[in-house]
Amino acid sequence: MIRAAASLIAFLLTAPVGSETVEVRHRGAVDLVTFECRDINRSSLIQRVCYDQAQRYLIVGIRGNYEDFCELPPQAYTGFMTAPSMGQFFKENIRARGHRYGCGSHRHADN
């Protein structure tokens, strides 16, 4: 029993740590190594939020799908995360301005 536990611990300590990737609509796989991600349990629309402040790049998990938004200022991210209704804030201030925060014309780190 002790050998098995020691072997398991040794395996976990030496196992390679891979970064997580998600499939983003219209973009493909995005590596989340530089993102701060939070699982959301207070919204019926938003399930997960990942933000890379240096790149000003937001990825939002919405009912099992991921969408991305570029050049999102840190103040907008903070407003989103602290909004009484994340879904309403998202619809009115981030997605509704898709032309402004859409990633089609912006460059960011993909991988």
PDB file of N, CA and C in Angstrom:
ATOM      1  N   MET A   1       0.820  -1.195   0.000  1.00  0.00           N
ATOM      2  CA  MET A   1       0.000   0.000   0.000  1.00  0.00           C
ATOM      3  C   MET A   1       0.863   1.258   0.000  1.00  0.00           C
ATOM      4  N   ILE A   2       1.901   1.263   0.792  1.00  0.00           N
ATOM      5  CA  ILE A   2       2.785   2.421   0.854  1.00  0.00           C
ATOM      6  C   ILE A   2       3.530   2.586  -0.466  1.00  0.00           C
ATOM      7  N   ARG A   3       3.970   1.464  -1.060  1.00  0.00           N
ATOM      8  CA  ARG A   3       4.656   1.543  -2.354  1.00  0.00           C
ATOM      9  C   ARG A   3       3.735   2.114  -3.424  1.00  0.00           C
ATOM     10  N   ALA A   4       2.494   1.688  -3.417  1.00  0.00           N
ATOM     11  CA  ALA A   4       1.541   2.179  -4.414  1.00  0.00           C
ATOM     12  C   ALA A   4       1.324   3.683  -4.252  1.00  0.00           C
ATOM     13  N   ALA A   5       1.185   4.122  -3.014  1.00  0.00           N
ATOM     14  CA  ALA A   5       0.993   5.553  -2.763  1.00  0.00           C
ATOM     15  C   ALA A   5       2.236   6.336  -3.165  1.00  0.00           C
ATOM     16  N   ALA A   6       3.412   5.813  -2.843  1.00  0.00           N
ATOM     17  CA  ALA A   6       4.663   6.481  -3.209  1.00  0.00           C
ATOM     18  C   ALA A   6       4.819   6.540  -4.721  1.00  0.00           C
ATOM     19  N   SER A   7       4.451   5.468  -5.404  1.00  0.00           N
ATOM     20  CA  SER A   7       4.529   5.457  -6.864  1.00  0.00           C
ATOM     21  C   SER A   7       3.574   6.476  -7.476  1.00  0.00           C
ATOM     22  N   LEU A   8       2.367   6.563  -6.931  1.00  0.00           N
ATOM     23  CA  LEU A   8       1.394   7.522  -7.427  1.00  0.00           C
ATOM     24  C   LEU A   8       1.891   8.949  -7.224  1.00  0.00           C
ATOM     25  N   ILE A   9       2.422   9.236  -6.074  1.00  0.00           N
ATOM     26  CA  ILE A   9       2.954  10.577  -5.791  1.00  0.00           C
ATOM     27  C   ILE A   9       4.107  10.899  -6.727  1.00  0.00           C
ATOM     28  N   ALA A  10       5.023   9.941  -6.924  1.00  0.00           N
ATOM     29  CA  ALA A  10       6.154  10.155  -7.832  1.00  0.00           C
ATOM     30  C   ALA A  10       5.660  10.407  -9.255  1.00  0.00           C
ATOM     31  N   PHE A  11       4.654   9.667  -9.674  1.00  0.00           N
ATOM     32  CA  PHE A  11       4.096   9.855 -11.012  1.00  0.00           C
ATOM     33  C   PHE A  11       3.497  11.250 -11.158  1.00  0.00           C
ATOM     34  N   LEU A  12       2.730  11.672 -10.167  1.00  0.00           N
ATOM     35  CA  LEU A  12       2.095  12.985 -10.239  1.00  0.00           C
ATOM     36  C   LEU A  12       3.125  14.108 -10.241  1.00  0.00           C
ATOM     37  N   LEU A  13       4.204  13.932  -9.519  1.00  0.00           N
ATOM     38  CA  LEU A  13       5.235  14.968  -9.467  1.00  0.00           C
ATOM     39  C   LEU A  13       6.067  15.037 -10.737  1.00  0.00           C
ATOM     40  N   THR A  14       6.161  13.950 -11.463  1.00  0.00           N
ATOM     41  CA  THR A  14       6.984  13.936 -12.667  1.00  0.00           C
ATOM     42  C   THR A  14       6.173  13.980 -13.956  1.00  0.00           C
ATOM     43  N   ALA A  15       4.868  13.915 -13.850  1.00  0.00           N
ATOM     44  CA  ALA A  15       4.022  13.948 -15.047  1.00  0.00           C
ATOM     45  C   ALA A  15       4.127  15.310 -15.719  1.00  0.00           C
ATOM     46  N   PRO A  16       4.213  15.343 -17.034  1.00  0.00           N
ATOM     47  CA  PRO A  16       4.289  16.636 -17.720  1.00  0.00           C
ATOM     48  C   PRO A  16       3.001  17.424 -17.524  1.00  0.00           C
ATOM     49  N   VAL A  17       3.158  18.709 -17.304  1.00  0.00           N
ATOM     50  CA  VAL A  17       2.002  19.574 -17.120  1.00  0.00           C
ATOM     51  C   VAL A  17       1.732  20.266 -18.445  1.00  0.00           C
ATOM     52  N   GLY A  18       0.585  19.992 -19.015  1.00  0.00           N
ATOM     53  CA  GLY A  18       0.218  20.616 -20.276  1.00  0.00           C
ATOM     54  C   GLY A  18      -0.743  21.753 -20.018  1.00  0.00           C
ATOM     55  N   SER A  19      -0.657  22.765 -20.847  1.00  0.00           N
ATOM     56  CA  SER A  19      -1.600  23.857 -20.677  1.00  0.00           C
ATOM     57  C   SER A  19      -2.923  23.474 -21.328  1.00  0.00           C
ATOM     58  N   GLU A  20      -3.951  24.125 -20.923  1.00  0.00           N
ATOM     59  CA  GLU A  20      -5.291  23.850 -21.431  1.00  0.00           C
ATOM     60  C   GLU A  20      -5.529  24.640 -22.717  1.00  0.00           C
ATOM     61  N   THR A  21      -6.240  24.037 -23.631  1.00  0.00           N
ATOM     62  CA  THR A  21      -6.680  24.745 -24.823  1.00  0.00           C
ATOM     63  C   THR A  21      -8.189  24.609 -24.935  1.00  0.00           C
ATOM     64  N   VAL A  22      -8.806  25.603 -25.545  1.00  0.00           N
ATOM     65  CA  VAL A  22     -10.243  25.558 -25.809  1.00  0.00           C
ATOM     66  C   VAL A  22     -10.466  25.882 -27.278  1.00  0.00           C
ATOM     67  N   GLU A  23     -11.550  25.353 -27.819  1.00  0.00           N
ATOM     68  CA  GLU A  23     -11.940  25.633 -29.200  1.00  0.00           C
ATOM     69  C   GLU A  23     -12.829  26.877 -29.205  1.00  0.00           C
ATOM     70  N   VAL A  24     -12.328  27.922 -29.830  1.00  0.00           N
ATOM     71  CA  VAL A  24     -13.050  29.188 -29.894  1.00  0.00           C
ATOM     72  C   VAL A  24     -13.714  29.313 -31.262  1.00  0.00           C
ATOM     73  N   ARG A  25     -14.974  29.692 -31.250  1.00  0.00           N
ATOM     74  CA  ARG A  25     -15.739  29.844 -32.492  1.00  0.00           C
ATOM     75  C   ARG A  25     -15.030  30.808 -33.439  1.00  0.00           C
ATOM     76  N   HIS A  26     -14.907  30.425 -34.678  1.00  0.00           N
ATOM     77  CA  HIS A  26     -14.286  31.205 -35.749  1.00  0.00           C
ATOM     78  C   HIS A  26     -12.783  31.422 -35.562  1.00  0.00           C
ATOM     79  N   ARG A  27     -12.167  30.761 -34.588  1.00  0.00           N
ATOM     80  CA  ARG A  27     -10.741  30.943 -34.365  1.00  0.00           C
ATOM     81  C   ARG A  27     -10.011  29.609 -34.314  1.00  0.00           C
ATOM     82  N   GLY A  28     -10.610  28.607 -33.674  1.00  0.00           N
ATOM     83  CA  GLY A  28      -9.947  27.327 -33.487  1.00  0.00           C
ATOM     84  C   GLY A  28      -9.387  27.203 -32.088  1.00  0.00           C
ATOM     85  N   ALA A  29      -8.372  26.372 -31.941  1.00  0.00           N
ATOM     86  CA  ALA A  29      -7.793  26.105 -30.618  1.00  0.00           C
ATOM     87  C   ALA A  29      -7.006  27.306 -30.123  1.00  0.00           C
ATOM     88  N   VAL A  30      -7.247  27.687 -28.866  1.00  0.00           N
ATOM     89  CA  VAL A  30      -6.509  28.766 -28.221  1.00  0.00           C
ATOM     90  C   VAL A  30      -5.921  28.216 -26.921  1.00  0.00           C
ATOM     91  N   ASP A  31      -4.637  28.395 -26.748  1.00  0.00           N
ATOM     92  CA  ASP A  31      -3.922  27.962 -25.547  1.00  0.00           C
ATOM     93  C   ASP A  31      -4.176  28.975 -24.436  1.00  0.00           C
ATOM     94  N   LEU A  32      -4.609  28.506 -23.287  1.00  0.00           N
ATOM     95  CA  LEU A  32      -4.969  29.392 -22.175  1.00  0.00           C
ATOM     96  C   LEU A  32      -3.825  29.628 -21.188  1.00  0.00           C
ATOM     97  N   VAL A  33      -2.606  29.316 -21.575  1.00  0.00           N
ATOM     98  CA  VAL A  33      -1.484  29.422 -20.646  1.00  0.00           C
ATOM     99  C   VAL A  33      -1.313  30.836 -20.084  1.00  0.00           C
ATOM    100  N   THR A  34      -1.617  31.871 -20.847  1.00  0.00           N
ATOM    101  CA  THR A  34      -1.427  33.249 -20.372  1.00  0.00           C
ATOM    102  C   THR A  34      -2.695  33.866 -19.798  1.00  0.00           C
ATOM    103  N   PHE A  35      -3.769  33.099 -19.738  1.00  0.00           N
ATOM    104  CA  PHE A  35      -5.061  33.616 -19.293  1.00  0.00           C
ATOM    105  C   PHE A  35      -5.311  33.336 -17.813  1.00  0.00           C
ATOM    106  N   GLU A  36      -6.076  34.215 -17.206  1.00  0.00           N
ATOM    107  CA  GLU A  36      -6.652  33.955 -15.889  1.00  0.00           C
ATOM    108  C   GLU A  36      -8.085  33.526 -16.155  1.00  0.00           C
ATOM    109  N   CYS A  37      -8.425  32.285 -15.796  1.00  0.00           N
ATOM    110  CA  CYS A  37      -9.759  31.750 -16.067  1.00  0.00           C
ATOM    111  C   CYS A  37     -10.540  31.573 -14.775  1.00  0.00           C
ATOM    112  N   ARG A  38     -11.822  31.834 -14.872  1.00  0.00           N
ATOM    113  CA  ARG A  38     -12.724  31.654 -13.736  1.00  0.00           C
ATOM    114  C   ARG A  38     -13.982  30.929 -14.201  1.00  0.00           C
ATOM    115  N   ASP A  39     -14.340  29.896 -13.455  1.00  0.00           N
ATOM    116  CA  ASP A  39     -15.619  29.226 -13.691  1.00  0.00           C
ATOM    117  C   ASP A  39     -16.698  30.077 -13.039  1.00  0.00           C
ATOM    118  N   ILE A  40     -17.795  30.254 -13.733  1.00  0.00           N
ATOM    119  CA  ILE A  40     -18.875  31.126 -13.265  1.00  0.00           C
ATOM    120  C   ILE A  40     -20.076  30.264 -12.895  1.00  0.00           C
ATOM    121  N   ASN A  41     -20.586  30.473 -11.687  1.00  0.00           N
ATOM    122  CA  ASN A  41     -21.761  29.713 -11.253  1.00  0.00           C
ATOM    123  C   ASN A  41     -22.926  30.618 -10.878  1.00  0.00           C
ATOM    124  N   ARG A  42     -22.808  31.902 -11.133  1.00  0.00           N
ATOM    125  CA  ARG A  42     -23.876  32.838 -10.782  1.00  0.00           C
ATOM    126  C   ARG A  42     -24.613  33.381 -11.993  1.00  0.00           C
ATOM    127  N   SER A  43     -24.410  32.767 -13.147  1.00  0.00           N
ATOM    128  CA  SER A  43     -25.063  33.216 -14.372  1.00  0.00           C
ATOM    129  C   SER A  43     -25.658  32.016 -15.097  1.00  0.00           C
ATOM    130  N   SER A  44     -26.835  32.200 -15.662  1.00  0.00           N
ATOM    131  CA  SER A  44     -27.436  31.125 -16.455  1.00  0.00           C
ATOM    132  C   SER A  44     -26.902  31.128 -17.888  1.00  0.00           C
ATOM    133  N   LEU A  45     -26.239  32.200 -18.290  1.00  0.00           N
ATOM    134  CA  LEU A  45     -25.699  32.310 -19.642  1.00  0.00           C
ATOM    135  C   LEU A  45     -24.194  32.048 -19.674  1.00  0.00           C
ATOM    136  N   ILE A  46     -23.463  32.709 -18.806  1.00  0.00           N
ATOM    137  CA  ILE A  46     -21.999  32.664 -18.802  1.00  0.00           C
ATOM    138  C   ILE A  46     -21.526  31.513 -17.915  1.00  0.00           C
ATOM    139  N   GLN A  47     -20.688  30.630 -18.477  1.00  0.00           N
ATOM    140  CA  GLN A  47     -20.175  29.502 -17.699  1.00  0.00           C
ATOM    141  C   GLN A  47     -18.721  29.669 -17.289  1.00  0.00           C
ATOM    142  N   ARG A  48     -17.947  30.354 -18.138  1.00  0.00           N
ATOM    143  CA  ARG A  48     -16.520  30.492 -17.862  1.00  0.00           C
ATOM    144  C   ARG A  48     -16.007  31.765 -18.523  1.00  0.00           C
ATOM    145  N   VAL A  49     -15.057  32.411 -17.849  1.00  0.00           N
ATOM    146  CA  VAL A  49     -14.457  33.622 -18.378  1.00  0.00           C
ATOM    147  C   VAL A  49     -12.947  33.495 -18.254  1.00  0.00           C
ATOM    148  N   CYS A  50     -12.237  33.745 -19.355  1.00  0.00           N
ATOM    149  CA  CYS A  50     -10.776  33.729 -19.371  1.00  0.00           C
ATOM    150  C   CYS A  50     -10.307  35.054 -19.953  1.00  0.00           C
ATOM    151  N   TYR A  51      -9.362  35.698 -19.258  1.00  0.00           N
ATOM    152  CA  TYR A  51      -8.899  37.017 -19.699  1.00  0.00           C
ATOM    153  C   TYR A  51      -7.387  37.088 -19.629  1.00  0.00           C
ATOM    154  N   ASP A  52      -6.799  37.565 -20.699  1.00  0.00           N
ATOM    155  CA  ASP A  52      -5.360  37.824 -20.761  1.00  0.00           C
ATOM    156  C   ASP A  52      -5.219  39.344 -20.761  1.00  0.00           C
ATOM    157  N   GLN A  53      -4.866  39.898 -19.609  1.00  0.00           N
ATOM    158  CA  GLN A  53      -4.828  41.350 -19.457  1.00  0.00           C
ATOM    159  C   GLN A  53      -3.758  41.980 -20.350  1.00  0.00           C
ATOM    160  N   ALA A  54      -2.600  41.344 -20.483  1.00  0.00           N
ATOM    161  CA  ALA A  54      -1.529  41.898 -21.310  1.00  0.00           C
ATOM    162  C   ALA A  54      -1.958  42.034 -22.769  1.00  0.00           C
ATOM    163  N   GLN A  55      -2.705  41.053 -23.264  1.00  0.00           N
ATOM    164  CA  GLN A  55      -3.183  41.074 -24.655  1.00  0.00           C
ATOM    165  C   GLN A  55      -4.555  41.733 -24.800  1.00  0.00           C
ATOM    166  N   ARG A  56      -5.199  42.002 -23.637  1.00  0.00           N
ATOM    167  CA  ARG A  56      -6.562  42.550 -23.618  1.00  0.00           C
ATOM    168  C   ARG A  56      -7.509  41.653 -24.426  1.00  0.00           C
ATOM    169  N   TYR A  57      -7.372  40.356 -24.161  1.00  0.00           N
ATOM    170  CA  TYR A  57      -8.061  39.321 -24.934  1.00  0.00           C
ATOM    171  C   TYR A  57      -8.968  38.522 -24.008  1.00  0.00           C
ATOM    172  N   LEU A  58     -10.260  38.488 -24.311  1.00  0.00           N
ATOM    173  CA  LEU A  58     -11.272  37.839 -23.488  1.00  0.00           C
ATOM    174  C   LEU A  58     -11.852  36.643 -24.224  1.00  0.00           C
ATOM    175  N   ILE A  59     -11.986  35.537 -23.511  1.00  0.00           N
ATOM    176  CA  ILE A  59     -12.678  34.355 -24.021  1.00  0.00           C
ATOM    177  C   ILE A  59     -13.796  34.047 -23.040  1.00  0.00           C
ATOM    178  N   VAL A  60     -15.006  33.876 -23.572  1.00  0.00           N
ATOM    179  CA  VAL A  60     -16.181  33.652 -22.727  1.00  0.00           C
ATOM    180  C   VAL A  60     -16.820  32.323 -23.109  1.00  0.00           C
ATOM    181  N   GLY A  61     -17.031  31.466 -22.107  1.00  0.00           N
ATOM    182  CA  GLY A  61     -17.745  30.206 -22.296  1.00  0.00           C
ATOM    183  C   GLY A  61     -19.224  30.455 -22.116  1.00  0.00           C
ATOM    184  N   ILE A  62     -19.975  30.206 -23.188  1.00  0.00           N
ATOM    185  CA  ILE A  62     -21.414  30.465 -23.193  1.00  0.00           C
ATOM    186  C   ILE A  62     -22.125  29.184 -23.577  1.00  0.00           C
ATOM    187  N   ARG A  63     -22.739  28.553 -22.593  1.00  0.00           N
ATOM    188  CA  ARG A  63     -23.504  27.320 -22.832  1.00  0.00           C
ATOM    189  C   ARG A  63     -22.729  26.304 -23.666  1.00  0.00           C
ATOM    190  N   GLY A  64     -21.482  26.075 -23.279  1.00  0.00           N
ATOM    191  CA  GLY A  64     -20.671  25.045 -23.913  1.00  0.00           C
ATOM    192  C   GLY A  64     -19.859  25.487 -25.117  1.00  0.00           C
ATOM    193  N   ASN A  65     -20.037  26.709 -25.579  1.00  0.00           N
ATOM    194  CA  ASN A  65     -19.257  27.241 -26.701  1.00  0.00           C
ATOM    195  C   ASN A  65     -18.403  28.403 -26.210  1.00  0.00           C
ATOM    196  N   TYR A  66     -17.291  28.634 -26.889  1.00  0.00           N
ATOM    197  CA  TYR A  66     -16.409  29.741 -26.527  1.00  0.00           C
ATOM    198  C   TYR A  66     -16.407  30.784 -27.630  1.00  0.00           C
ATOM    199  N   GLU A  67     -16.478  32.052 -27.217  1.00  0.00           N
ATOM    200  CA  GLU A  67     -16.367  33.192 -28.120  1.00  0.00           C
ATOM    201  C   GLU A  67     -15.230  34.068 -27.615  1.00  0.00           C
ATOM    202  N   ASP A  68     -14.564  34.772 -28.543  1.00  0.00           N
ATOM    203  CA  ASP A  68     -13.462  35.634 -28.132  1.00  0.00           C
ATOM    204  C   ASP A  68     -13.727  37.084 -28.489  1.00  0.00           C
ATOM    205  N   PHE A  69     -13.090  37.963 -27.719  1.00  0.00           N
ATOM    206  CA  PHE A  69     -13.243  39.402 -27.872  1.00  0.00           C
ATOM    207  C   PHE A  69     -11.878  40.038 -27.657  1.00  0.00           C
ATOM    208  N   CYS A  70     -11.504  40.937 -28.560  1.00  0.00           N
ATOM    209  CA  CYS A  70     -10.168  41.535 -28.537  1.00  0.00           C
ATOM    210  C   CYS A  70     -10.212  42.997 -28.116  1.00  0.00           C
ATOM    211  N   GLU A  71      -9.065  43.451 -27.617  1.00  0.00           N
ATOM    212  CA  GLU A  71      -8.893  44.853 -27.196  1.00  0.00           C
ATOM    213  C   GLU A  71      -9.914  45.264 -26.143  1.00  0.00           C
ATOM    214  N   LEU A  72     -10.265  44.320 -25.252  1.00  0.00           N
ATOM    215  CA  LEU A  72     -11.201  44.621 -24.176  1.00  0.00           C
ATOM    216  C   LEU A  72     -10.419  45.237 -23.021  1.00  0.00           C
ATOM    217  N   PRO A  73     -10.695  46.491 -22.673  1.00  0.00           N
ATOM    218  CA  PRO A  73      -9.941  47.151 -21.598  1.00  0.00           C
ATOM    219  C   PRO A  73     -10.158  46.468 -20.252  1.00  0.00           C
ATOM    220  N   PRO A  74      -9.154  46.537 -19.378  1.00  0.00           N
ATOM    221  CA  PRO A  74      -9.300  45.943 -18.040  1.00  0.00           C
ATOM    222  C   PRO A  74     -10.515  46.467 -17.283  1.00  0.00           C
ATOM    223  N   GLN A  75     -10.879  47.729 -17.492  1.00  0.00           N
ATOM    224  CA  GLN A  75     -12.047  48.290 -16.802  1.00  0.00           C
ATOM    225  C   GLN A  75     -13.332  47.588 -17.245  1.00  0.00           C
ATOM    226  N   ALA A  76     -13.423  47.262 -18.521  1.00  0.00           N
ATOM    227  CA  ALA A  76     -14.606  46.553 -19.021  1.00  0.00           C
ATOM    228  C   ALA A  76     -14.655  45.135 -18.453  1.00  0.00           C
ATOM    229  N   TYR A  77     -13.480  44.494 -18.359  1.00  0.00           N
ATOM    230  CA  TYR A  77     -13.418  43.153 -17.760  1.00  0.00           C
ATOM    231  C   TYR A  77     -13.859  43.204 -16.293  1.00  0.00           C
ATOM    232  N   THR A  78     -13.364  44.169 -15.551  1.00  0.00           N
ATOM    233  CA  THR A  78     -13.746  44.307 -14.142  1.00  0.00           C
ATOM    234  C   THR A  78     -15.244  44.568 -14.014  1.00  0.00           C
ATOM    235  N   GLY A  79     -15.779  45.428 -14.864  1.00  0.00           N
ATOM    236  CA  GLY A  79     -17.223  45.694 -14.853  1.00  0.00           C
ATOM    237  C   GLY A  79     -18.027  44.440 -15.130  1.00  0.00           C
ATOM    238  N   PHE A  80     -17.551  43.644 -16.070  1.00  0.00           N
ATOM    239  CA  PHE A  80     -18.196  42.382 -16.420  1.00  0.00           C
ATOM    240  C   PHE A  80     -18.202  41.430 -15.231  1.00  0.00           C
ATOM    241  N   MET A  81     -17.054  41.279 -14.595  1.00  0.00           N
ATOM    242  CA  MET A  81     -16.924  40.318 -13.500  1.00  0.00           C
ATOM    243  C   MET A  81     -17.684  40.741 -12.245  1.00  0.00           C
ATOM    244  N   THR A  82     -17.922  42.033 -12.066  1.00  0.00           N
ATOM    245  CA  THR A  82     -18.601  42.515 -10.862  1.00  0.00           C
ATOM    246  C   THR A  82     -20.051  42.922 -11.114  1.00  0.00           C
ATOM    247  N   ALA A  83     -20.515  42.793 -12.333  1.00  0.00           N
ATOM    248  CA  ALA A  83     -21.881  43.195 -12.672  1.00  0.00           C
ATOM    249  C   ALA A  83     -22.909  42.351 -11.923  1.00  0.00           C
ATOM    250  N   PRO A  84     -24.007  42.958 -11.471  1.00  0.00           N
ATOM    251  CA  PRO A  84     -25.065  42.186 -10.824  1.00  0.00           C
ATOM    252  C   PRO A  84     -25.606  41.083 -11.738  1.00  0.00           C
ATOM    253  N   SER A  85     -25.691  41.375 -13.040  1.00  0.00           N
ATOM    254  CA  SER A  85     -26.109  40.368 -14.023  1.00  0.00           C
ATOM    255  C   SER A  85     -25.016  40.289 -15.084  1.00  0.00           C
ATOM    256  N   MET A  86     -24.201  39.241 -15.014  1.00  0.00           N
ATOM    257  CA  MET A  86     -23.118  39.089 -15.977  1.00  0.00           C
ATOM    258  C   MET A  86     -23.659  38.940 -17.398  1.00  0.00           C
ATOM    259  N   GLY A  87     -24.751  38.184 -17.557  1.00  0.00           N
ATOM    260  CA  GLY A  87     -25.325  37.980 -18.876  1.00  0.00           C
ATOM    261  C   GLY A  87     -25.797  39.279 -19.504  1.00  0.00           C
ATOM    262  N   GLN A  88     -26.472  40.100 -18.720  1.00  0.00           N
ATOM    263  CA  GLN A  88     -26.965  41.375 -19.231  1.00  0.00           C
ATOM    264  C   GLN A  88     -25.801  42.296 -19.568  1.00  0.00           C
ATOM    265  N   PHE A  89     -24.798  42.373 -18.703  1.00  0.00           N
ATOM    266  CA  PHE A  89     -23.622  43.208 -18.971  1.00  0.00           C
ATOM    267  C   PHE A  89     -22.939  42.737 -20.249  1.00  0.00           C
ATOM    268  N   PHE A  90     -22.783  41.433 -20.379  1.00  0.00           N
ATOM    269  CA  PHE A  90     -22.131  40.857 -21.550  1.00  0.00           C
ATOM    270  C   PHE A  90     -22.881  41.228 -22.829  1.00  0.00           C
ATOM    271  N   LYS A  91     -24.186  41.029 -22.826  1.00  0.00           N
ATOM    272  CA  LYS A  91     -24.994  41.314 -24.015  1.00  0.00           C
ATOM    273  C   LYS A  91     -24.968  42.797 -24.386  1.00  0.00           C
ATOM    274  N   GLU A  92     -25.028  43.664 -23.376  1.00  0.00           N
ATOM    275  CA  GLU A  92     -25.130  45.098 -23.636  1.00  0.00           C
ATOM    276  C   GLU A  92     -23.784  45.782 -23.872  1.00  0.00           C
ATOM    277  N   ASN A  93     -22.730  45.298 -23.245  1.00  0.00           N
ATOM    278  CA  ASN A  93     -21.468  46.027 -23.268  1.00  0.00           C
ATOM    279  C   ASN A  93     -20.322  45.330 -23.997  1.00  0.00           C
ATOM    280  N   ILE A  94     -20.440  44.044 -24.217  1.00  0.00           N
ATOM    281  CA  ILE A  94     -19.339  43.332 -24.869  1.00  0.00           C
ATOM    282  C   ILE A  94     -19.795  42.771 -26.200  1.00  0.00           C
ATOM    283  N   ARG A  95     -20.785  41.911 -26.191  1.00  0.00           N
ATOM    284  CA  ARG A  95     -21.238  41.301 -27.444  1.00  0.00           C
ATOM    285  C   ARG A  95     -21.898  42.338 -28.350  1.00  0.00           C
ATOM    286  N   ALA A  96     -22.677  43.247 -27.806  1.00  0.00           N
ATOM    287  CA  ALA A  96     -23.356  44.263 -28.620  1.00  0.00           C
ATOM    288  C   ALA A  96     -22.357  45.165 -29.331  1.00  0.00           C
ATOM    289  N   ARG A  97     -21.182  45.261 -28.786  1.00  0.00           N
ATOM    290  CA  ARG A  97     -20.132  46.065 -29.401  1.00  0.00           C
ATOM    291  C   ARG A  97     -19.167  45.176 -30.163  1.00  0.00           C
ATOM    292  N   GLY A  98     -19.675  44.068 -30.674  1.00  0.00           N
ATOM    293  CA  GLY A  98     -18.844  43.090 -31.360  1.00  0.00           C
ATOM    294  C   GLY A  98     -17.965  43.693 -32.430  1.00  0.00           C
ATOM    295  N   HIS A  99     -18.481  44.715 -33.093  1.00  0.00           N
ATOM    296  CA  HIS A  99     -17.647  45.371 -34.097  1.00  0.00           C
ATOM    297  C   HIS A  99     -16.432  46.028 -33.454  1.00  0.00           C
ATOM    298  N   ARG A 100     -16.572  46.474 -32.217  1.00  0.00           N
ATOM    299  CA  ARG A 100     -15.465  47.122 -31.514  1.00  0.00           C
ATOM    300  C   ARG A 100     -14.525  46.107 -30.898  1.00  0.00           C
ATOM    301  N   TYR A 101     -15.087  45.065 -30.294  1.00  0.00           N
ATOM    302  CA  TYR A 101     -14.271  44.060 -29.615  1.00  0.00           C
ATOM    303  C   TYR A 101     -14.097  42.788 -30.432  1.00  0.00           C
ATOM    304  N   GLY A 102     -14.636  42.768 -31.636  1.00  0.00           N
ATOM    305  CA  GLY A 102     -14.478  41.609 -32.498  1.00  0.00           C
ATOM    306  C   GLY A 102     -13.010  41.406 -32.838  1.00  0.00           C
ATOM    307  N   CYS A 103     -12.596  40.176 -32.955  1.00  0.00           N
ATOM    308  CA  CYS A 103     -11.181  39.871 -33.168  1.00  0.00           C
ATOM    309  C   CYS A 103     -10.772  39.816 -34.631  1.00  0.00           C
ATOM    310  N   GLY A 104     -11.699  40.000 -35.541  1.00  0.00           N
ATOM    311  CA  GLY A 104     -11.359  39.901 -36.957  1.00  0.00           C
ATOM    312  C   GLY A 104     -10.276  40.846 -37.395  1.00  0.00           C
ATOM    313  N   SER A 105     -10.282  42.069 -36.889  1.00  0.00           N
ATOM    314  CA  SER A 105      -9.301  43.062 -37.325  1.00  0.00           C
ATOM    315  C   SER A 105      -8.179  43.273 -36.322  1.00  0.00           C
ATOM    316  N   HIS A 106      -8.220  42.549 -35.191  1.00  0.00           N
ATOM    317  CA  HIS A 106      -7.196  42.707 -34.162  1.00  0.00           C
ATOM    318  C   HIS A 106      -6.238  41.531 -34.183  1.00  0.00           C
ATOM    319  N   ARG A 107      -5.025  41.792 -33.792  1.00  0.00           N
ATOM    320  CA  ARG A 107      -4.022  40.730 -33.669  1.00  0.00           C
ATOM    321  C   ARG A 107      -3.854  40.392 -32.201  1.00  0.00           C
ATOM    322  N   HIS A 108      -3.632  39.122 -31.910  1.00  0.00           N
ATOM    323  CA  HIS A 108      -3.330  38.680 -30.548  1.00  0.00           C
ATOM    324  C   HIS A 108      -2.601  37.362 -30.638  1.00  0.00           C
ATOM    325  N   ALA A 109      -2.058  36.921 -29.510  1.00  0.00           N
ATOM    326  CA  ALA A 109      -1.325  35.655 -29.483  1.00  0.00           C
ATOM    327  C   ALA A 109      -2.298  34.502 -29.534  1.00  0.00           C
ATOM    328  N   ASP A 110      -2.184  33.631 -30.531  1.00  0.00           N
ATOM    329  CA  ASP A 110      -3.045  32.453 -30.629  1.00  0.00           C
ATOM    330  C   ASP A 110      -2.475  31.295 -29.849  1.00  0.00           C
ATOM    331  N   ASN A 111      -1.222  31.039 -29.955  1.00  0.00           N
ATOM    332  CA  ASN A 111      -0.596  29.906 -29.264  1.00  0.00           C
ATOM    333  C   ASN A 111       0.809  30.270 -28.927  1.00  0.00           C
TER     334      ASN A 111
END
